[in-house]
Amino acid sequence: MSELAELFDRAMFLRDADDYDGASQLLRELVSRARPDDGRRLFAQAHVQLGAICKWQKRLEA
């Protein structure tokens, strides 16, 4: 498994444990380090998860 895939897995573990700040930090790191040849699906899924986490955080703040 690639290092970026491991970052994604750790981020999803944190998300599932309701640690949205930690998960979003790892996803941002993944997005900043990813290159086009690293896999567009992983890059796209990281963006999708970041968006979902931001929505959840806004709902929790309300």
C-alpha atoms as a PDB file:
ATOM      1  CA  MET A   1       0.000   0.000   0.000  1.00  0.00           C
ATOM      2  CA  SER A   2       1.314   3.418  -0.884  1.00  0.00           C
ATOM      3  CA  GLU A   3       2.111   6.047   1.705  1.00  0.00           C
ATOM      4  CA  LEU A   4      -0.754   8.220   0.432  1.00  0.00           C
ATOM      5  CA  ALA A   5      -3.207   5.332   0.690  1.00  0.00           C
ATOM      6  CA  GLU A   6      -2.077   4.786   4.282  1.00  0.00           C
ATOM      7  CA  LEU A   7      -2.668   8.485   5.010  1.00  0.00           C
ATOM      8  CA  PHE A   8      -6.159   8.153   3.572  1.00  0.00           C
ATOM      9  CA  ASP A   9      -6.888   5.068   5.683  1.00  0.00           C
ATOM     10  CA  ARG A  10      -5.699   6.819   8.852  1.00  0.00           C
ATOM     11  CA  ALA A  11      -7.826   9.849   7.994  1.00  0.00           C
ATOM     12  CA  MET A  12     -10.913   7.649   7.569  1.00  0.00           C
ATOM     13  CA  PHE A  13     -10.176   5.942  10.884  1.00  0.00           C
ATOM     14  CA  LEU A  14     -10.043   9.347  12.595  1.00  0.00           C
ATOM     15  CA  ARG A  15     -13.216  10.451  10.816  1.00  0.00           C
ATOM     16  CA  ASP A  16     -15.032   7.331  12.015  1.00  0.00           C
ATOM     17  CA  ALA A  17     -13.794   8.065  15.551  1.00  0.00           C
ATOM     18  CA  ASP A  18     -15.338  11.576  15.262  1.00  0.00           C
ATOM     19  CA  ASP A  19     -11.919  13.264  15.189  1.00  0.00           C
ATOM     20  CA  TYR A  20     -12.820  15.536  12.288  1.00  0.00           C
ATOM     21  CA  ASP A  21      -9.939  17.950  12.860  1.00  0.00           C
ATOM     22  CA  GLY A  22      -7.361  15.181  12.733  1.00  0.00           C
ATOM     23  CA  ALA A  23      -8.982  13.599   9.695  1.00  0.00           C
ATOM     24  CA  SER A  24      -9.157  16.850   7.760  1.00  0.00           C
ATOM     25  CA  GLN A  25      -5.526  17.614   8.601  1.00  0.00           C
ATOM     26  CA  LEU A  26      -4.396  14.250   7.197  1.00  0.00           C
ATOM     27  CA  LEU A  27      -6.562  14.679   4.100  1.00  0.00           C
ATOM     28  CA  ARG A  28      -5.126  18.134   3.474  1.00  0.00           C
ATOM     29  CA  GLU A  29      -1.641  16.673   3.775  1.00  0.00           C
ATOM     30  CA  LEU A  30      -2.559  13.946   1.304  1.00  0.00           C
ATOM     31  CA  VAL A  31      -3.944  16.458  -1.209  1.00  0.00           C
ATOM     32  CA  SER A  32      -0.871  18.670  -0.930  1.00  0.00           C
ATOM     33  CA  ARG A  33       1.510  15.741  -1.486  1.00  0.00           C
ATOM     34  CA  ALA A  34      -0.386  13.896  -4.227  1.00  0.00           C
ATOM     35  CA  ARG A  35       0.863  14.028  -7.791  1.00  0.00           C
ATOM     36  CA  PRO A  36      -1.182  13.208 -10.907  1.00  0.00           C
ATOM     37  CA  ASP A  37       0.495   9.830 -11.295  1.00  0.00           C
ATOM     38  CA  ASP A  38      -0.312   8.864  -7.672  1.00  0.00           C
ATOM     39  CA  GLY A  39      -3.867   7.975  -8.557  1.00  0.00           C
ATOM     40  CA  ARG A  40      -6.637  10.351  -9.402  1.00  0.00           C
ATOM     41  CA  ARG A  41      -9.269   8.313  -7.584  1.00  0.00           C
ATOM     42  CA  LEU A  42      -7.474   8.665  -4.266  1.00  0.00           C
ATOM     43  CA  PHE A  43      -6.981  12.394  -4.863  1.00  0.00           C
ATOM     44  CA  ALA A  44     -10.658  12.839  -5.795  1.00  0.00           C
ATOM     45  CA  GLN A  45     -11.894  10.791  -2.840  1.00  0.00           C
ATOM     46  CA  ALA A  46      -9.754  12.848  -0.462  1.00  0.00           C
ATOM     47  CA  HIS A  47     -11.444  15.999  -1.781  1.00  0.00           C
ATOM     48  CA  VAL A  48     -14.891  14.426  -1.385  1.00  0.00           C
ATOM     49  CA  GLN A  49     -14.139  13.427   2.200  1.00  0.00           C
ATOM     50  CA  LEU A  50     -12.771  16.888   3.029  1.00  0.00           C
ATOM     51  CA  GLY A  51     -16.012  18.426   1.788  1.00  0.00           C
ATOM     52  CA  ALA A  52     -18.104  16.007   3.815  1.00  0.00           C
ATOM     53  CA  ILE A  53     -16.076  16.631   6.974  1.00  0.00           C
ATOM     54  CA  CYS A  54     -16.458  20.401   6.559  1.00  0.00           C
ATOM     55  CA  LYS A  55     -20.241  19.966   6.299  1.00  0.00           C
ATOM     56  CA  TRP A  56     -20.324  17.782   9.419  1.00  0.00           C
ATOM     57  CA  GLN A  57     -18.233  20.282  11.360  1.00  0.00           C
ATOM     58  CA  LYS A  58     -20.576  23.130  10.396  1.00  0.00           C
ATOM     59  CA  ARG A  59     -23.596  21.105  11.534  1.00  0.00           C
ATOM     60  CA  LEU A  60     -21.928  20.332  14.849  1.00  0.00           C
ATOM     61  CA  GLU A  61     -21.162  24.020  15.426  1.00  0.00           C
ATOM     62  CA  ALA A  62     -24.782  25.054  14.806  1.00  0.00           C
END
